[in-house]
Amino acid sequence: MPTANLDLIYEKWKASLREKDRSREFVSANFDELFDAFNSAGATFEEAHAYLQQAIKVHLPAPGLAKATWKMVKNNPVNSEMTEKEFIDGWHKDIGDKATNSFYHVYPLPEDKDDDKEPKVYGSMSAKEYKLQRRHAESYPILNTEELEKDLQCNAYNPTEDILGEDDNG
């Protein structure tokens, strides 16, 4: 897809933000509109993802608006233990999270392609993967339990002595 087309869609969306409600309830819808337009235009995951940070930055509130909003809500009991910076950072993070969520709703993560062309013989593993797994598993030492079994059969095994050692009192 030509980048000029995506630039045009982005600029149109950016200009339309002035007329849109940018309150908390409408943030996701605003981003959905942009990413749906990209998807309708045939943009790939990578092409659309390049605009994500720009779109978030454009949607952030102006510093004066953020400061004025803080002055209105700072006495709210919910915000009583917050500083102005924490409030504004939380607001920005919320917008970024909603934008990212909207993006991945329209453009799901591309699946990793399996580079191993061999047929899957052992569950979801190829013969090569199975051999590597077996080699790793066999690298662990094998526990010899014959001596323990003999002690158990003779009732000579006392786990408290083996764990704690000989008793100092007697």
N, C-alpha and C. Protein backbone atom coordinates (compact mmCIF):
# COMPACT_ATOMS: atom_id res chain seq x y z
N MET A 1 0.85 -1.18 0.00
CA MET A 1 0.00 0.00 0.00
C MET A 1 0.89 1.24 0.00
N PRO A 2 0.62 2.20 -0.84
CA PRO A 2 1.42 3.43 -0.86
C PRO A 2 1.30 4.20 0.46
N THR A 3 2.44 4.66 0.94
CA THR A 3 2.47 5.39 2.21
C THR A 3 1.69 6.69 2.12
N ALA A 4 1.66 7.30 0.94
CA ALA A 4 0.94 8.56 0.77
C ALA A 4 -0.55 8.38 1.09
N ASN A 5 -1.11 7.23 0.72
CA ASN A 5 -2.50 6.93 1.02
C ASN A 5 -2.74 6.86 2.53
N LEU A 6 -1.84 6.18 3.24
CA LEU A 6 -1.96 6.07 4.68
C LEU A 6 -1.76 7.42 5.35
N ASP A 7 -0.82 8.20 4.82
CA ASP A 7 -0.61 9.55 5.36
C ASP A 7 -1.88 10.38 5.23
N LEU A 8 -2.54 10.26 4.11
CA LEU A 8 -3.77 11.00 3.87
C LEU A 8 -4.87 10.57 4.85
N ILE A 9 -5.00 9.27 5.06
CA ILE A 9 -5.99 8.75 6.02
C ILE A 9 -5.67 9.25 7.42
N TYR A 10 -4.40 9.20 7.79
CA TYR A 10 -3.98 9.64 9.12
C TYR A 10 -4.24 11.13 9.31
N GLU A 11 -3.87 11.93 8.33
CA GLU A 11 -4.08 13.39 8.43
C GLU A 11 -5.57 13.74 8.52
N LYS A 12 -6.39 13.00 7.77
CA LYS A 12 -7.84 13.23 7.81
C LYS A 12 -8.37 12.89 9.21
N TRP A 13 -7.93 11.77 9.78
CA TRP A 13 -8.34 11.37 11.13
C TRP A 13 -7.87 12.39 12.16
N LYS A 14 -6.63 12.83 12.00
CA LYS A 14 -6.04 13.81 12.93
C LYS A 14 -6.86 15.10 12.92
N ALA A 15 -7.24 15.56 11.73
CA ALA A 15 -8.04 16.79 11.62
C ALA A 15 -9.44 16.59 12.21
N SER A 16 -9.98 15.40 12.05
CA SER A 16 -11.33 15.15 12.56
C SER A 16 -11.37 15.04 14.09
N LEU A 17 -10.22 14.86 14.71
CA LEU A 17 -10.18 14.76 16.17
C LEU A 17 -10.64 16.06 16.84
N ARG A 18 -10.46 17.18 16.17
CA ARG A 18 -10.87 18.46 16.74
C ARG A 18 -12.38 18.51 16.99
N GLU A 19 -13.13 17.78 16.17
CA GLU A 19 -14.58 17.79 16.28
C GLU A 19 -15.11 16.63 17.13
N LYS A 20 -14.27 15.67 17.44
CA LYS A 20 -14.71 14.46 18.15
C LYS A 20 -14.64 14.64 19.66
N ASP A 21 -15.44 13.86 20.33
CA ASP A 21 -15.39 13.79 21.79
C ASP A 21 -14.17 12.95 22.16
N ARG A 22 -13.26 13.54 22.92
CA ARG A 22 -12.03 12.83 23.27
C ARG A 22 -12.03 12.41 24.74
N SER A 23 -13.22 12.33 25.34
CA SER A 23 -13.32 11.90 26.72
C SER A 23 -13.03 10.40 26.81
N ARG A 24 -12.86 9.94 28.04
CA ARG A 24 -12.45 8.56 28.31
C ARG A 24 -13.32 7.54 27.60
N GLU A 25 -14.62 7.76 27.53
CA GLU A 25 -15.54 6.79 26.94
C GLU A 25 -15.35 6.64 25.43
N PHE A 26 -14.82 7.66 24.77
CA PHE A 26 -14.75 7.65 23.32
C PHE A 26 -13.34 7.45 22.76
N VAL A 27 -12.35 7.28 23.63
CA VAL A 27 -10.96 7.12 23.17
C VAL A 27 -10.83 5.89 22.28
N SER A 28 -11.33 4.76 22.73
CA SER A 28 -11.23 3.52 21.94
C SER A 28 -11.93 3.65 20.59
N ALA A 29 -13.10 4.27 20.60
CA ALA A 29 -13.85 4.44 19.34
C ALA A 29 -13.07 5.31 18.36
N ASN A 30 -12.41 6.34 18.88
CA ASN A 30 -11.63 7.20 18.00
C ASN A 30 -10.49 6.43 17.33
N PHE A 31 -9.79 5.61 18.11
CA PHE A 31 -8.70 4.82 17.54
C PHE A 31 -9.23 3.71 16.63
N ASP A 32 -10.36 3.13 17.00
CA ASP A 32 -10.96 2.10 16.14
C ASP A 32 -11.25 2.66 14.75
N GLU A 33 -11.72 3.89 14.71
CA GLU A 33 -12.03 4.53 13.42
C GLU A 33 -10.77 4.62 12.55
N LEU A 34 -9.65 5.03 13.15
CA LEU A 34 -8.40 5.15 12.39
C LEU A 34 -7.93 3.80 11.87
N PHE A 35 -7.87 2.82 12.76
CA PHE A 35 -7.31 1.53 12.36
C PHE A 35 -8.25 0.76 11.44
N ASP A 36 -9.55 0.98 11.57
CA ASP A 36 -10.49 0.39 10.61
C ASP A 36 -10.30 1.00 9.22
N ALA A 37 -10.04 2.31 9.19
CA ALA A 37 -9.79 2.98 7.90
C ALA A 37 -8.51 2.44 7.26
N PHE A 38 -7.48 2.24 8.08
CA PHE A 38 -6.23 1.65 7.56
C PHE A 38 -6.49 0.26 7.01
N ASN A 39 -7.24 -0.53 7.76
CA ASN A 39 -7.53 -1.90 7.35
C ASN A 39 -8.35 -1.92 6.06
N SER A 40 -9.32 -1.04 5.96
CA SER A 40 -10.14 -0.97 4.74
C SER A 40 -9.31 -0.56 3.53
N ALA A 41 -8.28 0.24 3.78
CA ALA A 41 -7.41 0.68 2.68
C ALA A 41 -6.39 -0.39 2.30
N GLY A 42 -6.36 -1.49 3.05
CA GLY A 42 -5.45 -2.58 2.72
C GLY A 42 -4.07 -2.46 3.35
N ALA A 43 -3.93 -1.68 4.39
CA ALA A 43 -2.63 -1.52 5.05
C ALA A 43 -2.25 -2.81 5.77
N THR A 44 -0.97 -3.15 5.74
CA THR A 44 -0.48 -4.34 6.44
C THR A 44 -0.27 -4.01 7.91
N PHE A 45 0.00 -5.04 8.69
CA PHE A 45 0.27 -4.87 10.13
C PHE A 45 1.40 -3.88 10.35
N GLU A 46 2.51 -4.07 9.64
CA GLU A 46 3.69 -3.23 9.83
C GLU A 46 3.43 -1.78 9.41
N GLU A 47 2.73 -1.60 8.31
CA GLU A 47 2.42 -0.25 7.85
C GLU A 47 1.54 0.50 8.84
N ALA A 48 0.53 -0.16 9.35
CA ALA A 48 -0.38 0.49 10.29
C ALA A 48 0.30 0.70 11.64
N HIS A 49 1.14 -0.25 12.03
CA HIS A 49 1.82 -0.14 13.33
C HIS A 49 2.75 1.08 13.37
N ALA A 50 3.26 1.48 12.23
CA ALA A 50 4.15 2.65 12.18
C ALA A 50 3.42 3.92 12.61
N TYR A 51 2.11 3.95 12.52
CA TYR A 51 1.33 5.13 12.88
C TYR A 51 0.82 5.10 14.32
N LEU A 52 0.99 4.01 15.02
CA LEU A 52 0.41 3.86 16.35
C LEU A 52 0.91 4.94 17.32
N GLN A 53 2.21 5.11 17.45
CA GLN A 53 2.75 6.09 18.40
C GLN A 53 2.37 7.52 18.01
N GLN A 54 2.36 7.80 16.72
CA GLN A 54 1.95 9.15 16.26
C GLN A 54 0.50 9.42 16.65
N ALA A 55 -0.36 8.42 16.46
CA ALA A 55 -1.78 8.59 16.76
C ALA A 55 -1.98 8.79 18.27
N ILE A 56 -1.23 8.06 19.07
CA ILE A 56 -1.34 8.23 20.53
C ILE A 56 -0.94 9.64 20.92
N LYS A 57 0.17 10.10 20.36
CA LYS A 57 0.68 11.43 20.70
C LYS A 57 -0.33 12.52 20.33
N VAL A 58 -1.00 12.38 19.20
CA VAL A 58 -1.96 13.37 18.75
C VAL A 58 -3.19 13.37 19.66
N HIS A 59 -3.55 12.22 20.19
CA HIS A 59 -4.76 12.10 21.00
C HIS A 59 -4.56 12.56 22.44
N LEU A 60 -3.31 12.72 22.88
CA LEU A 60 -3.05 13.14 24.26
C LEU A 60 -3.61 14.54 24.50
N PRO A 61 -4.05 14.81 25.73
CA PRO A 61 -4.60 16.14 26.01
C PRO A 61 -3.50 17.20 26.01
N ALA A 62 -3.87 18.42 25.69
CA ALA A 62 -2.94 19.54 25.73
C ALA A 62 -2.52 19.76 27.19
N PRO A 63 -1.29 20.22 27.42
CA PRO A 63 -0.83 20.43 28.80
C PRO A 63 -1.74 21.34 29.62
N GLY A 64 -2.27 22.40 29.00
CA GLY A 64 -3.17 23.30 29.71
C GLY A 64 -4.47 22.61 30.12
N LEU A 65 -5.01 21.76 29.24
CA LEU A 65 -6.23 21.02 29.54
C LEU A 65 -5.98 20.01 30.67
N ALA A 66 -4.83 19.35 30.60
CA ALA A 66 -4.49 18.37 31.63
C ALA A 66 -4.37 19.04 33.00
N LYS A 67 -3.72 20.20 33.03
CA LYS A 67 -3.54 20.94 34.30
C LYS A 67 -4.90 21.42 34.83
N ALA A 68 -5.75 21.93 33.96
CA ALA A 68 -7.08 22.40 34.37
C ALA A 68 -7.93 21.23 34.88
N THR A 69 -7.84 20.08 34.21
CA THR A 69 -8.59 18.90 34.65
C THR A 69 -8.11 18.46 36.03
N TRP A 70 -6.79 18.50 36.23
CA TRP A 70 -6.23 18.11 37.53
C TRP A 70 -6.76 19.03 38.64
N LYS A 71 -6.83 20.31 38.36
CA LYS A 71 -7.33 21.25 39.38
C LYS A 71 -8.78 20.95 39.75
N MET A 72 -9.56 20.45 38.78
CA MET A 72 -10.97 20.13 39.04
C MET A 72 -11.12 18.83 39.82
N VAL A 73 -10.25 17.86 39.59
CA VAL A 73 -10.45 16.52 40.19
C VAL A 73 -9.50 16.22 41.34
N LYS A 74 -8.59 17.12 41.68
CA LYS A 74 -7.59 16.78 42.70
C LYS A 74 -8.19 16.59 44.08
N ASN A 75 -9.34 17.20 44.36
CA ASN A 75 -9.97 17.04 45.67
C ASN A 75 -10.88 15.82 45.75
N ASN A 76 -11.02 15.12 44.65
CA ASN A 76 -11.80 13.89 44.62
C ASN A 76 -11.09 12.85 45.49
N PRO A 77 -11.80 12.11 46.36
CA PRO A 77 -11.15 11.13 47.23
C PRO A 77 -10.36 10.06 46.47
N VAL A 78 -10.78 9.75 45.26
CA VAL A 78 -10.06 8.76 44.45
C VAL A 78 -8.66 9.25 44.11
N ASN A 79 -8.51 10.55 43.92
CA ASN A 79 -7.23 11.13 43.51
C ASN A 79 -6.46 11.75 44.68
N SER A 80 -6.89 11.53 45.90
CA SER A 80 -6.30 12.23 47.04
C SER A 80 -4.82 11.90 47.27
N GLU A 81 -4.40 10.72 46.93
CA GLU A 81 -3.00 10.34 47.16
C GLU A 81 -2.15 10.47 45.91
N MET A 82 -2.68 11.10 44.86
CA MET A 82 -1.95 11.27 43.61
C MET A 82 -1.39 12.67 43.50
N THR A 83 -0.26 12.75 42.81
CA THR A 83 0.27 14.06 42.47
C THR A 83 -0.25 14.43 41.08
N GLU A 84 -0.04 15.66 40.68
CA GLU A 84 -0.47 16.09 39.36
C GLU A 84 0.23 15.28 38.27
N LYS A 85 1.52 15.06 38.46
CA LYS A 85 2.30 14.31 37.47
C LYS A 85 1.78 12.86 37.35
N GLU A 86 1.50 12.23 38.48
CA GLU A 86 0.98 10.86 38.46
C GLU A 86 -0.38 10.81 37.76
N PHE A 87 -1.22 11.80 38.01
CA PHE A 87 -2.53 11.86 37.37
C PHE A 87 -2.39 11.97 35.85
N ILE A 88 -1.54 12.90 35.41
CA ILE A 88 -1.37 13.12 33.96
C ILE A 88 -0.69 11.91 33.31
N ASP A 89 0.31 11.33 33.99
CA ASP A 89 0.96 10.13 33.44
C ASP A 89 -0.02 8.98 33.32
N GLY A 90 -0.90 8.82 34.31
CA GLY A 90 -1.93 7.78 34.26
C GLY A 90 -2.90 8.01 33.12
N TRP A 91 -3.24 9.27 32.89
CA TRP A 91 -4.13 9.63 31.79
C TRP A 91 -3.49 9.28 30.45
N HIS A 92 -2.23 9.64 30.29
CA HIS A 92 -1.50 9.32 29.06
C HIS A 92 -1.39 7.81 28.86
N LYS A 93 -1.09 7.08 29.94
CA LYS A 93 -0.97 5.63 29.84
C LYS A 93 -2.30 5.00 29.44
N ASP A 94 -3.39 5.51 30.00
CA ASP A 94 -4.71 4.99 29.67
C ASP A 94 -5.02 5.18 28.18
N ILE A 95 -4.69 6.34 27.66
CA ILE A 95 -4.90 6.60 26.22
C ILE A 95 -4.03 5.67 25.39
N GLY A 96 -2.76 5.52 25.77
CA GLY A 96 -1.86 4.63 25.04
C GLY A 96 -2.34 3.19 25.07
N ASP A 97 -2.82 2.74 26.23
CA ASP A 97 -3.31 1.37 26.36
C ASP A 97 -4.55 1.14 25.49
N LYS A 98 -5.44 2.11 25.48
CA LYS A 98 -6.66 1.96 24.66
C LYS A 98 -6.33 1.97 23.17
N ALA A 99 -5.34 2.79 22.79
CA ALA A 99 -4.93 2.82 21.38
C ALA A 99 -4.31 1.49 20.98
N THR A 100 -3.45 0.97 21.82
CA THR A 100 -2.80 -0.31 21.54
C THR A 100 -3.83 -1.43 21.46
N ASN A 101 -4.78 -1.41 22.38
CA ASN A 101 -5.84 -2.41 22.37
C ASN A 101 -6.67 -2.33 21.10
N SER A 102 -7.00 -1.13 20.68
CA SER A 102 -7.76 -0.95 19.43
C SER A 102 -6.96 -1.44 18.23
N PHE A 103 -5.66 -1.14 18.23
CA PHE A 103 -4.82 -1.56 17.12
C PHE A 103 -4.81 -3.09 17.00
N TYR A 104 -4.56 -3.77 18.13
CA TYR A 104 -4.48 -5.23 18.09
C TYR A 104 -5.84 -5.89 17.92
N HIS A 105 -6.90 -5.15 18.15
CA HIS A 105 -8.23 -5.69 17.86
C HIS A 105 -8.44 -5.75 16.34
N VAL A 106 -7.96 -4.74 15.64
CA VAL A 106 -8.11 -4.70 14.18
C VAL A 106 -7.01 -5.51 13.50
N TYR A 107 -5.78 -5.41 14.03
CA TYR A 107 -4.63 -6.11 13.46
C TYR A 107 -4.07 -7.09 14.49
N PRO A 108 -4.55 -8.33 14.50
CA PRO A 108 -4.00 -9.29 15.46
C PRO A 108 -2.52 -9.54 15.17
N LEU A 109 -1.78 -9.95 16.20
CA LEU A 109 -0.36 -10.23 16.02
C LEU A 109 -0.16 -11.26 14.92
N PRO A 110 0.79 -11.03 14.05
CA PRO A 110 1.05 -12.04 13.02
C PRO A 110 1.61 -13.30 13.67
N GLU A 111 1.12 -14.43 13.21
CA GLU A 111 1.58 -15.70 13.78
C GLU A 111 2.98 -16.00 13.28
N ASP A 112 3.78 -16.60 14.18
CA ASP A 112 5.12 -17.02 13.79
C ASP A 112 5.01 -18.21 12.85
N LYS A 113 5.73 -18.12 11.78
CA LYS A 113 5.71 -19.21 10.82
C LYS A 113 6.68 -20.29 11.28
N ASP A 114 6.26 -21.53 11.14
CA ASP A 114 7.10 -22.66 11.53
C ASP A 114 8.13 -22.88 10.43
N ASP A 115 9.39 -22.64 10.77
CA ASP A 115 10.46 -22.81 9.79
C ASP A 115 10.80 -24.27 9.55
N ASP A 116 10.39 -25.13 10.45
CA ASP A 116 10.70 -26.54 10.34
C ASP A 116 9.71 -27.20 9.37
N LYS A 117 10.18 -27.60 8.22
CA LYS A 117 9.31 -28.15 7.18
C LYS A 117 9.06 -29.65 7.35
N GLU A 118 9.76 -30.28 8.32
CA GLU A 118 9.59 -31.72 8.52
C GLU A 118 8.18 -32.00 9.04
N PRO A 119 7.66 -33.18 8.74
CA PRO A 119 6.34 -33.52 9.27
C PRO A 119 6.39 -33.68 10.79
N LYS A 120 5.29 -33.35 11.44
CA LYS A 120 5.20 -33.46 12.89
C LYS A 120 4.86 -34.90 13.25
N VAL A 121 5.85 -35.61 13.82
CA VAL A 121 5.68 -37.02 14.11
C VAL A 121 5.30 -37.25 15.56
N TYR A 122 5.96 -36.53 16.48
CA TYR A 122 5.76 -36.73 17.91
C TYR A 122 4.96 -35.56 18.47
N GLY A 123 3.66 -35.70 18.48
CA GLY A 123 2.81 -34.60 18.95
C GLY A 123 2.95 -33.44 18.00
N SER A 124 3.42 -32.32 18.49
CA SER A 124 3.62 -31.16 17.63
C SER A 124 5.09 -30.94 17.31
N MET A 125 5.90 -31.99 17.50
CA MET A 125 7.35 -31.87 17.27
C MET A 125 7.77 -32.69 16.05
N SER A 126 8.74 -32.16 15.36
CA SER A 126 9.33 -32.92 14.27
C SER A 126 10.34 -33.88 14.88
N ALA A 127 10.87 -34.77 14.07
CA ALA A 127 11.86 -35.73 14.55
C ALA A 127 13.09 -35.01 15.08
N LYS A 128 13.49 -33.94 14.41
CA LYS A 128 14.66 -33.16 14.85
C LYS A 128 14.42 -32.54 16.22
N GLU A 129 13.25 -31.94 16.41
CA GLU A 129 12.92 -31.32 17.70
C GLU A 129 12.85 -32.38 18.80
N TYR A 130 12.30 -33.55 18.47
CA TYR A 130 12.19 -34.63 19.45
C TYR A 130 13.58 -35.11 19.89
N LYS A 131 14.49 -35.26 18.92
CA LYS A 131 15.86 -35.69 19.26
C LYS A 131 16.54 -34.68 20.16
N LEU A 132 16.36 -33.39 19.88
CA LEU A 132 16.96 -32.35 20.74
C LEU A 132 16.37 -32.41 22.15
N GLN A 133 15.08 -32.62 22.25
CA GLN A 133 14.45 -32.71 23.56
C GLN A 133 14.95 -33.94 24.32
N ARG A 134 15.06 -35.06 23.65
CA ARG A 134 15.54 -36.29 24.30
C ARG A 134 16.99 -36.12 24.76
N ARG A 135 17.82 -35.49 23.93
CA ARG A 135 19.22 -35.27 24.30
C ARG A 135 19.31 -34.42 25.57
N HIS A 136 18.46 -33.42 25.65
CA HIS A 136 18.44 -32.57 26.84
C HIS A 136 17.98 -33.37 28.06
N ALA A 137 16.91 -34.15 27.91
CA ALA A 137 16.38 -34.92 29.03
C ALA A 137 17.39 -35.98 29.49
N GLU A 138 18.11 -36.57 28.58
CA GLU A 138 19.07 -37.61 28.94
C GLU A 138 20.36 -37.04 29.53
N SER A 139 20.53 -35.74 29.49
CA SER A 139 21.73 -35.13 30.07
C SER A 139 21.66 -35.09 31.59
N TYR A 140 20.48 -35.29 32.18
CA TYR A 140 20.35 -35.31 33.63
C TYR A 140 20.84 -36.65 34.17
N PRO A 141 21.44 -36.67 35.37
CA PRO A 141 21.92 -37.94 35.93
C PRO A 141 20.75 -38.85 36.31
N ILE A 142 20.96 -40.14 36.20
CA ILE A 142 19.94 -41.12 36.54
C ILE A 142 20.12 -41.49 38.00
N LEU A 143 19.03 -41.44 38.75
CA LEU A 143 19.05 -41.73 40.17
C LEU A 143 19.05 -43.23 40.38
N ASN A 144 20.02 -43.73 41.13
CA ASN A 144 20.10 -45.15 41.44
C ASN A 144 19.43 -45.37 42.79
N THR A 145 18.31 -46.08 42.79
CA THR A 145 17.53 -46.27 44.01
C THR A 145 17.68 -47.67 44.60
N GLU A 146 18.57 -48.48 44.06
CA GLU A 146 18.70 -49.87 44.54
C GLU A 146 19.12 -49.92 46.00
N GLU A 147 20.08 -49.08 46.42
CA GLU A 147 20.54 -49.09 47.80
C GLU A 147 19.43 -48.65 48.74
N LEU A 148 18.66 -47.67 48.36
CA LEU A 148 17.54 -47.21 49.16
C LEU A 148 16.48 -48.29 49.28
N GLU A 149 16.20 -48.99 48.19
CA GLU A 149 15.22 -50.07 48.22
C GLU A 149 15.65 -51.19 49.16
N LYS A 150 16.93 -51.53 49.16
CA LYS A 150 17.44 -52.57 50.06
C LYS A 150 17.26 -52.13 51.51
N ASP A 151 17.60 -50.87 51.82
CA ASP A 151 17.44 -50.35 53.18
C ASP A 151 15.98 -50.37 53.61
N LEU A 152 15.07 -50.05 52.72
CA LEU A 152 13.65 -50.05 53.04
C LEU A 152 13.14 -51.47 53.30
N GLN A 153 13.63 -52.43 52.53
CA GLN A 153 13.21 -53.82 52.71
C GLN A 153 13.73 -54.39 54.02
N CYS A 154 14.88 -53.96 54.47
CA CYS A 154 15.47 -54.44 55.72
C CYS A 154 15.02 -53.61 56.92
N ASN A 155 14.18 -52.65 56.71
CA ASN A 155 13.73 -51.72 57.74
C ASN A 155 14.90 -50.99 58.39
N ALA A 156 15.97 -50.83 57.68
CA ALA A 156 17.14 -50.13 58.21
C ALA A 156 17.13 -48.65 57.83
N TYR A 157 16.19 -48.25 57.03
CA TYR A 157 16.15 -46.86 56.57
C TYR A 157 15.39 -46.01 57.57
N ASN A 158 16.04 -44.98 58.12
CA ASN A 158 15.40 -44.04 59.03
C ASN A 158 15.57 -42.65 58.43
N PRO A 159 14.52 -42.11 57.87
CA PRO A 159 14.66 -40.83 57.18
C PRO A 159 15.10 -39.69 58.09
N THR A 160 14.72 -39.71 59.36
CA THR A 160 15.13 -38.62 60.25
C THR A 160 16.62 -38.63 60.48
N GLU A 161 17.24 -39.81 60.55
CA GLU A 161 18.70 -39.87 60.71
C GLU A 161 19.40 -39.43 59.43
N ASP A 162 18.84 -39.82 58.30
CA ASP A 162 19.48 -39.43 57.03
C ASP A 162 19.40 -37.93 56.81
N ILE A 163 18.30 -37.32 57.25
CA ILE A 163 18.12 -35.89 57.03
C ILE A 163 18.83 -35.09 58.11
N LEU A 164 18.63 -35.46 59.39
CA LEU A 164 19.16 -34.68 60.49
C LEU A 164 20.54 -35.12 60.95
N GLY A 165 20.95 -36.31 60.60
CA GLY A 165 22.24 -36.82 61.05
C GLY A 165 22.07 -37.49 62.41
N GLU A 166 23.17 -37.86 63.02
CA GLU A 166 23.13 -38.51 64.34
C GLU A 166 22.67 -37.53 65.39
N ASP A 167 21.93 -38.03 66.39
CA ASP A 167 21.44 -37.19 67.49
C ASP A 167 22.57 -36.90 68.45
N ASP A 168 22.75 -35.65 68.81
CA ASP A 168 23.85 -35.25 69.71
C ASP A 168 23.59 -35.70 71.15
N ASN A 169 22.35 -35.97 71.53
CA ASN A 169 22.02 -36.31 72.92
C ASN A 169 22.22 -37.78 73.22
N GLY A 170 22.48 -38.60 72.31
CA GLY A 170 22.55 -39.99 72.70
C GLY A 170 23.00 -40.82 71.65
